[in-house]
Amino acid sequence: MNLEKARFNMIEQQIRTWDVLDLDVLNLLQLVKREAFVPAPYKSLAFFDTEIPLSAEASMFTPKMEARLLQEAAIKKHENVLEVGTGSGYMAALMAYKARHVTSVEIDPALCAMAQKNLQDYGISNVSVETGDAARGWNGEAAYDVIMISGALPLLPDAFLKQVKIGGRILAVIGEAPVMSAQLITRVSETGYHSAKLFETCARTLQHAQTPSHFKF
């Protein structure tokens, strides 16, 4: 396989056609080699428009999903990012090039170790990968400029709303299959939030995610 040709085709045929036109994002997709973060048995699928399995419970987003969410996050160099669901570390690597620091939390210890190795091998030093369950929020007092949920949530827990700074953004796939949408939630004041639906999609739900009550009163 001609890797650079495959990467070029991925960007031009999958990603640009999904309204990803930010040159910084497109350049990052050239710079950060996706195949370096794909498990060995699936490296031939690194540039395909498909989710790549990482474990029984987790998979990588499609390339166009990763790129679109990265573009919508609009991360700036001074900003601190929280990612929920590290997976292979690829999204954390992309964000690391745009952010001051990325804290990425992964529930699966084996994936956590994989991501740490991938990021270390790639020479990325401004990502902290932690093992833990952050599907309902992450412990600690820190407030983040951007929160990236790398998985689906039936609903967005209030804990995330409290952990994003004013002017900060949350990117998440919210809903229950088959009705899910990627959303951008911006905190506009101490108590105010603006939510925008970006596109309809479907993704694997994070383990231990909060679920809505279906009881009616």
C-alpha atoms as a PDB file:
ATOM      1  CA  MET A   1       0.000   0.000   0.000  1.00  0.00           C
ATOM      2  CA  ASN A   2       1.196   3.500  -0.858  1.00  0.00           C
ATOM      3  CA  LEU A   3       0.584   5.096   2.550  1.00  0.00           C
ATOM      4  CA  GLU A   4       0.853   8.699   1.416  1.00  0.00           C
ATOM      5  CA  LYS A   5      -1.491   8.115  -1.504  1.00  0.00           C
ATOM      6  CA  ALA A   6      -3.981   6.397   0.828  1.00  0.00           C
ATOM      7  CA  ARG A   7      -3.698   9.305   3.301  1.00  0.00           C
ATOM      8  CA  PHE A   8      -4.238  11.834   0.506  1.00  0.00           C
ATOM      9  CA  ASN A   9      -7.336   9.970  -0.701  1.00  0.00           C
ATOM     10  CA  MET A  10      -8.702   9.779   2.865  1.00  0.00           C
ATOM     11  CA  ILE A  11      -8.357  13.523   3.293  1.00  0.00           C
ATOM     12  CA  GLU A  12      -9.679  14.512  -0.125  1.00  0.00           C
ATOM     13  CA  GLN A  13     -12.469  11.954  -0.558  1.00  0.00           C
ATOM     14  CA  GLN A  14     -13.729  11.403   3.001  1.00  0.00           C
ATOM     15  CA  ILE A  15     -12.753  14.382   5.105  1.00  0.00           C
ATOM     16  CA  ARG A  16     -12.993  17.437   2.854  1.00  0.00           C
ATOM     17  CA  THR A  17     -16.375  16.247   1.625  1.00  0.00           C
ATOM     18  CA  TRP A  18     -17.584  16.329   5.242  1.00  0.00           C
ATOM     19  CA  ASP A  19     -17.051  20.092   5.422  1.00  0.00           C
ATOM     20  CA  VAL A  20     -13.649  19.825   7.080  1.00  0.00           C
ATOM     21  CA  LEU A  21     -11.887  22.726   5.391  1.00  0.00           C
ATOM     22  CA  ASP A  22      -9.740  24.148   8.206  1.00  0.00           C
ATOM     23  CA  LEU A  23      -6.182  24.076   6.858  1.00  0.00           C
ATOM     24  CA  ASP A  24      -4.659  23.553  10.311  1.00  0.00           C
ATOM     25  CA  VAL A  25      -6.772  20.423  10.756  1.00  0.00           C
ATOM     26  CA  LEU A  26      -6.015  19.117   7.265  1.00  0.00           C
ATOM     27  CA  ASN A  27      -2.294  19.696   7.797  1.00  0.00           C
ATOM     28  CA  LEU A  28      -2.433  17.859  11.125  1.00  0.00           C
ATOM     29  CA  LEU A  29      -3.930  14.833   9.410  1.00  0.00           C
ATOM     30  CA  GLN A  30      -0.840  14.781   7.204  1.00  0.00           C
ATOM     31  CA  LEU A  31       1.514  15.330  10.142  1.00  0.00           C
ATOM     32  CA  VAL A  32       0.105  12.877  12.696  1.00  0.00           C
ATOM     33  CA  LYS A  33       0.252   9.472  11.050  1.00  0.00           C
ATOM     34  CA  ARG A  34      -2.989   7.677  11.821  1.00  0.00           C
ATOM     35  CA  GLU A  35      -1.531   4.252  11.075  1.00  0.00           C
ATOM     36  CA  ALA A  36       0.880   4.689  14.014  1.00  0.00           C
ATOM     37  CA  PHE A  37      -2.148   4.604  16.368  1.00  0.00           C
ATOM     38  CA  VAL A  38      -4.036   1.720  14.760  1.00  0.00           C
ATOM     39  CA  PRO A  39      -3.580  -1.801  16.245  1.00  0.00           C
ATOM     40  CA  ALA A  40      -1.353  -3.985  14.074  1.00  0.00           C
ATOM     41  CA  PRO A  41      -4.114  -6.368  12.853  1.00  0.00           C
ATOM     42  CA  TYR A  42      -6.071  -3.409  11.436  1.00  0.00           C
ATOM     43  CA  LYS A  43      -3.324  -1.198   9.985  1.00  0.00           C
ATOM     44  CA  SER A  44      -4.573  -1.912   6.458  1.00  0.00           C
ATOM     45  CA  LEU A  45      -7.845  -0.204   7.470  1.00  0.00           C
ATOM     46  CA  ALA A  46      -6.199   2.934   8.857  1.00  0.00           C
ATOM     47  CA  PHE A  47      -7.472   5.147   6.029  1.00  0.00           C
ATOM     48  CA  PHE A  48     -10.865   3.515   5.457  1.00  0.00           C
ATOM     49  CA  ASP A  49     -14.195   5.148   6.307  1.00  0.00           C
ATOM     50  CA  THR A  50     -14.889   2.703   9.103  1.00  0.00           C
ATOM     51  CA  GLU A  51     -14.599   2.383  12.862  1.00  0.00           C
ATOM     52  CA  ILE A  52     -11.594   0.302  13.902  1.00  0.00           C
ATOM     53  CA  PRO A  53     -11.997  -2.135  16.830  1.00  0.00           C
ATOM     54  CA  LEU A  54      -9.732  -1.565  19.820  1.00  0.00           C
ATOM     55  CA  SER A  55     -11.378  -3.974  22.273  1.00  0.00           C
ATOM     56  CA  ALA A  56     -14.712  -5.636  22.882  1.00  0.00           C
ATOM     57  CA  GLU A  57     -15.999  -2.332  24.255  1.00  0.00           C
ATOM     58  CA  ALA A  58     -14.165   0.349  22.267  1.00  0.00           C
ATOM     59  CA  SER A  59     -13.343   1.425  18.739  1.00  0.00           C
ATOM     60  CA  MET A  60     -11.761   4.374  16.943  1.00  0.00           C
ATOM     61  CA  PHE A  61     -14.059   6.916  15.344  1.00  0.00           C
ATOM     62  CA  THR A  62     -14.009   7.077  11.562  1.00  0.00           C
ATOM     63  CA  PRO A  63     -11.384   9.478  10.148  1.00  0.00           C
ATOM     64  CA  LYS A  64     -14.026  11.983   9.051  1.00  0.00           C
ATOM     65  CA  MET A  65     -15.608  11.988  12.518  1.00  0.00           C
ATOM     66  CA  GLU A  66     -12.242  12.612  14.180  1.00  0.00           C
ATOM     67  CA  ALA A  67     -11.455  15.446  11.785  1.00  0.00           C
ATOM     68  CA  ARG A  68     -14.863  17.108  12.040  1.00  0.00           C
ATOM     69  CA  LEU A  69     -14.891  17.047  15.849  1.00  0.00           C
ATOM     70  CA  LEU A  70     -11.352  18.413  15.937  1.00  0.00           C
ATOM     71  CA  GLN A  71     -12.354  21.242  13.618  1.00  0.00           C
ATOM     72  CA  GLU A  72     -15.470  22.102  15.628  1.00  0.00           C
ATOM     73  CA  ALA A  73     -13.492  22.130  18.902  1.00  0.00           C
ATOM     74  CA  ALA A  74     -11.353  25.010  17.562  1.00  0.00           C
ATOM     75  CA  ILE A  75      -8.659  24.363  20.175  1.00  0.00           C
ATOM     76  CA  LYS A  76      -6.184  27.182  20.815  1.00  0.00           C
ATOM     77  CA  LYS A  77      -2.558  26.938  21.919  1.00  0.00           C
ATOM     78  CA  HIS A  78      -3.200  28.215  25.457  1.00  0.00           C
ATOM     79  CA  GLU A  79      -6.107  25.858  26.167  1.00  0.00           C
ATOM     80  CA  ASN A  80      -6.325  22.782  28.368  1.00  0.00           C
ATOM     81  CA  VAL A  81      -8.344  19.837  27.138  1.00  0.00           C
ATOM     82  CA  LEU A  82     -10.052  16.895  28.841  1.00  0.00           C
ATOM     83  CA  GLU A  83     -10.703  13.844  26.684  1.00  0.00           C
ATOM     84  CA  VAL A  84     -12.961  11.030  27.868  1.00  0.00           C
ATOM     85  CA  GLY A  85     -12.116   7.771  26.127  1.00  0.00           C
ATOM     86  CA  THR A  86      -8.462   7.717  25.083  1.00  0.00           C
ATOM     87  CA  GLY A  87      -8.662   4.607  22.943  1.00  0.00           C
ATOM     88  CA  SER A  88      -5.451   4.290  20.924  1.00  0.00           C
ATOM     89  CA  GLY A  89      -4.401   7.873  21.700  1.00  0.00           C
ATOM     90  CA  TYR A  90      -4.889   9.212  18.164  1.00  0.00           C
ATOM     91  CA  MET A  91      -7.418  11.947  18.990  1.00  0.00           C
ATOM     92  CA  ALA A  92      -5.310  12.967  21.983  1.00  0.00           C
ATOM     93  CA  ALA A  93      -2.292  13.212  19.658  1.00  0.00           C
ATOM     94  CA  LEU A  94      -4.173  15.450  17.222  1.00  0.00           C
ATOM     95  CA  MET A  95      -5.397  17.698  20.024  1.00  0.00           C
ATOM     96  CA  ALA A  96      -1.936  17.842  21.599  1.00  0.00           C
ATOM     97  CA  TYR A  97      -0.602  19.703  18.582  1.00  0.00           C
ATOM     98  CA  LYS A  98      -3.246  22.396  19.055  1.00  0.00           C
ATOM     99  CA  ALA A  99      -3.533  22.613  22.874  1.00  0.00           C
ATOM    100  CA  ARG A 100      -1.334  23.557  25.814  1.00  0.00           C
ATOM    101  CA  HIS A 101      -2.103  20.255  27.552  1.00  0.00           C
ATOM    102  CA  VAL A 102      -4.456  17.298  27.131  1.00  0.00           C
ATOM    103  CA  THR A 103      -5.658  15.116  30.012  1.00  0.00           C
ATOM    104  CA  SER A 104      -7.091  11.921  28.539  1.00  0.00           C
ATOM    105  CA  VAL A 105      -8.945   9.354  30.645  1.00  0.00           C
ATOM    106  CA  GLU A 106      -9.386   5.708  29.624  1.00  0.00           C
ATOM    107  CA  ILE A 107     -11.364   3.105  31.564  1.00  0.00           C
ATOM    108  CA  ASP A 108      -9.554   0.084  30.057  1.00  0.00           C
ATOM    109  CA  PRO A 109      -6.043  -0.371  31.539  1.00  0.00           C
ATOM    110  CA  ALA A 110      -4.828  -2.229  28.436  1.00  0.00           C
ATOM    111  CA  LEU A 111      -5.937   0.599  26.144  1.00  0.00           C
ATOM    112  CA  CYS A 112      -4.466   3.130  28.554  1.00  0.00           C
ATOM    113  CA  ALA A 113      -1.096   1.379  28.276  1.00  0.00           C
ATOM    114  CA  MET A 114      -1.403   1.196  24.480  1.00  0.00           C
ATOM    115  CA  ALA A 115      -2.175   4.888  24.211  1.00  0.00           C
ATOM    116  CA  GLN A 116       0.686   5.858  26.528  1.00  0.00           C
ATOM    117  CA  LYS A 117       3.116   3.838  24.404  1.00  0.00           C
ATOM    118  CA  ASN A 118       1.753   5.223  21.127  1.00  0.00           C
ATOM    119  CA  LEU A 119       2.048   8.801  22.350  1.00  0.00           C
ATOM    120  CA  GLN A 120       5.511   8.229  23.810  1.00  0.00           C
ATOM    121  CA  ASP A 121       6.731   6.556  20.619  1.00  0.00           C
ATOM    122  CA  TYR A 122       5.406   9.535  18.675  1.00  0.00           C
ATOM    123  CA  GLY A 123       7.285  11.974  20.913  1.00  0.00           C
ATOM    124  CA  ILE A 124       4.199  13.724  22.275  1.00  0.00           C
ATOM    125  CA  SER A 125       4.845  15.020  25.791  1.00  0.00           C
ATOM    126  CA  ASN A 126       1.888  17.312  26.552  1.00  0.00           C
ATOM    127  CA  VAL A 127      -0.699  14.539  27.032  1.00  0.00           C
ATOM    128  CA  SER A 128      -1.375  12.888  30.399  1.00  0.00           C
ATOM    129  CA  VAL A 129      -3.165   9.552  30.045  1.00  0.00           C
ATOM    130  CA  GLU A 130      -4.945   8.378  33.173  1.00  0.00           C
ATOM    131  CA  THR A 131      -6.788   5.159  33.923  1.00  0.00           C
ATOM    132  CA  GLY A 132     -10.284   5.806  35.228  1.00  0.00           C
ATOM    133  CA  ASP A 133     -14.005   5.986  34.594  1.00  0.00           C
ATOM    134  CA  ALA A 134     -14.939   9.469  33.399  1.00  0.00           C
ATOM    135  CA  ALA A 135     -18.195   8.675  31.609  1.00  0.00           C
ATOM    136  CA  ARG A 136     -20.104  10.717  34.206  1.00  0.00           C
ATOM    137  CA  GLY A 137     -17.442  13.365  34.747  1.00  0.00           C
ATOM    138  CA  TRP A 138     -13.844  13.393  35.951  1.00  0.00           C
ATOM    139  CA  ASN A 139     -12.793  13.958  39.542  1.00  0.00           C
ATOM    140  CA  GLY A 140     -10.736  16.941  40.588  1.00  0.00           C
ATOM    141  CA  GLU A 141     -11.324  20.670  40.692  1.00  0.00           C
ATOM    142  CA  ALA A 142      -9.852  21.580  37.309  1.00  0.00           C
ATOM    143  CA  ALA A 143     -11.928  23.439  34.776  1.00  0.00           C
ATOM    144  CA  TYR A 144     -11.147  22.825  31.114  1.00  0.00           C
ATOM    145  CA  ASP A 145     -11.319  24.942  27.998  1.00  0.00           C
ATOM    146  CA  VAL A 146     -12.415  21.983  25.874  1.00  0.00           C
ATOM    147  CA  ILE A 147     -13.936  18.615  26.787  1.00  0.00           C
ATOM    148  CA  MET A 148     -13.874  15.992  24.043  1.00  0.00           C
ATOM    149  CA  ILE A 149     -16.048  12.926  24.621  1.00  0.00           C
ATOM    150  CA  SER A 150     -14.551  10.220  22.390  1.00  0.00           C
ATOM    151  CA  GLY A 151     -17.585   7.979  22.536  1.00  0.00           C
ATOM    152  CA  ALA A 152     -21.359   8.312  22.769  1.00  0.00           C
ATOM    153  CA  LEU A 153     -23.452   9.308  25.789  1.00  0.00           C
ATOM    154  CA  PRO A 154     -27.221   8.779  26.122  1.00  0.00           C
ATOM    155  CA  LEU A 155     -27.262  12.159  27.868  1.00  0.00           C
ATOM    156  CA  LEU A 156     -24.644  14.686  28.927  1.00  0.00           C
ATOM    157  CA  PRO A 157     -24.043  14.571  32.706  1.00  0.00           C
ATOM    158  CA  ASP A 158     -24.153  17.888  34.566  1.00  0.00           C
ATOM    159  CA  ALA A 159     -20.624  17.219  35.824  1.00  0.00           C
ATOM    160  CA  PHE A 160     -19.210  18.059  32.392  1.00  0.00           C
ATOM    161  CA  LEU A 161     -21.179  21.299  32.236  1.00  0.00           C
ATOM    162  CA  LYS A 162     -19.597  22.338  35.523  1.00  0.00           C
ATOM    163  CA  GLN A 163     -16.087  21.345  34.418  1.00  0.00           C
ATOM    164  CA  VAL A 164     -15.913  23.519  31.305  1.00  0.00           C
ATOM    165  CA  LYS A 165     -14.840  27.164  31.592  1.00  0.00           C
ATOM    166  CA  ILE A 166     -16.947  30.095  30.424  1.00  0.00           C
ATOM    167  CA  GLY A 167     -16.211  30.299  26.715  1.00  0.00           C
ATOM    168  CA  GLY A 168     -15.251  26.631  26.748  1.00  0.00           C
ATOM    169  CA  ARG A 169     -16.664  23.921  24.508  1.00  0.00           C
ATOM    170  CA  ILE A 170     -17.874  20.348  24.938  1.00  0.00           C
ATOM    171  CA  LEU A 171     -17.913  18.000  21.939  1.00  0.00           C
ATOM    172  CA  ALA A 172     -20.040  14.899  22.399  1.00  0.00           C
ATOM    173  CA  VAL A 173     -22.174  12.376  20.540  1.00  0.00           C
ATOM    174  CA  ILE A 174     -25.443  12.341  22.462  1.00  0.00           C
ATOM    175  CA  GLY A 175     -28.456  10.058  22.198  1.00  0.00           C
ATOM    176  CA  GLU A 176     -29.394   6.408  22.017  1.00  0.00           C
ATOM    177  CA  ALA A 177     -29.063   4.260  18.885  1.00  0.00           C
ATOM    178  CA  PRO A 178     -30.278   4.685  16.254  1.00  0.00           C
ATOM    179  CA  VAL A 179     -30.893   8.382  17.061  1.00  0.00           C
ATOM    180  CA  MET A 180     -27.656  10.136  18.002  1.00  0.00           C
ATOM    181  CA  SER A 181     -26.145  13.461  17.052  1.00  0.00           C
ATOM    182  CA  ALA A 182     -22.765  15.104  17.462  1.00  0.00           C
ATOM    183  CA  GLN A 183     -23.233  18.281  19.469  1.00  0.00           C
ATOM    184  CA  LEU A 184     -21.192  21.348  20.353  1.00  0.00           C
ATOM    185  CA  ILE A 185     -22.092  22.787  23.761  1.00  0.00           C
ATOM    186  CA  THR A 186     -20.564  26.181  24.577  1.00  0.00           C
ATOM    187  CA  ARG A 187     -20.644  27.675  28.070  1.00  0.00           C
ATOM    188  CA  VAL A 188     -21.612  31.313  27.613  1.00  0.00           C
ATOM    189  CA  SER A 189     -21.967  32.375  31.287  1.00  0.00           C
ATOM    190  CA  GLU A 190     -21.973  30.979  34.816  1.00  0.00           C
ATOM    191  CA  THR A 191     -25.349  29.375  34.208  1.00  0.00           C
ATOM    192  CA  GLY A 192     -25.820  29.649  30.443  1.00  0.00           C
ATOM    193  CA  TYR A 193     -24.993  27.135  27.717  1.00  0.00           C
ATOM    194  CA  HIS A 194     -25.563  27.133  23.980  1.00  0.00           C
ATOM    195  CA  SER A 195     -26.052  23.781  22.260  1.00  0.00           C
ATOM    196  CA  ALA A 196     -25.762  23.195  18.514  1.00  0.00           C
ATOM    197  CA  LYS A 197     -26.380  19.936  16.669  1.00  0.00           C
ATOM    198  CA  LEU A 198     -23.585  19.362  14.167  1.00  0.00           C
ATOM    199  CA  PHE A 199     -24.664  16.193  12.376  1.00  0.00           C
ATOM    200  CA  GLU A 200     -26.552  12.938  12.849  1.00  0.00           C
ATOM    201  CA  THR A 201     -24.377   9.908  13.533  1.00  0.00           C
ATOM    202  CA  CYS A 202     -24.080   6.723  15.562  1.00  0.00           C
ATOM    203  CA  ALA A 203     -21.194   5.694  17.815  1.00  0.00           C
ATOM    204  CA  ARG A 204     -20.381   3.162  20.500  1.00  0.00           C
ATOM    205  CA  THR A 205     -21.624   4.232  23.937  1.00  0.00           C
ATOM    206  CA  LEU A 206     -19.064   4.726  26.691  1.00  0.00           C
ATOM    207  CA  GLN A 207     -19.024   2.131  29.453  1.00  0.00           C
ATOM    208  CA  HIS A 208     -20.974   3.129  32.591  1.00  0.00           C
ATOM    209  CA  ALA A 209     -22.541   6.104  30.823  1.00  0.00           C
ATOM    210  CA  GLN A 210     -25.463   7.764  32.565  1.00  0.00           C
ATOM    211  CA  THR A 211     -28.805   6.775  31.067  1.00  0.00           C
ATOM    212  CA  PRO A 212     -32.032   8.762  31.073  1.00  0.00           C
ATOM    213  CA  SER A 213     -34.957   7.657  33.178  1.00  0.00           C
ATOM    214  CA  HIS A 214     -37.788   6.246  31.077  1.00  0.00           C
ATOM    215  CA  PHE A 215     -40.313   6.409  33.899  1.00  0.00           C
ATOM    216  CA  LYS A 216     -43.219   8.778  33.340  1.00  0.00           C
ATOM    217  CA  PHE A 217     -45.054  10.503  36.163  1.00  0.00           C
END
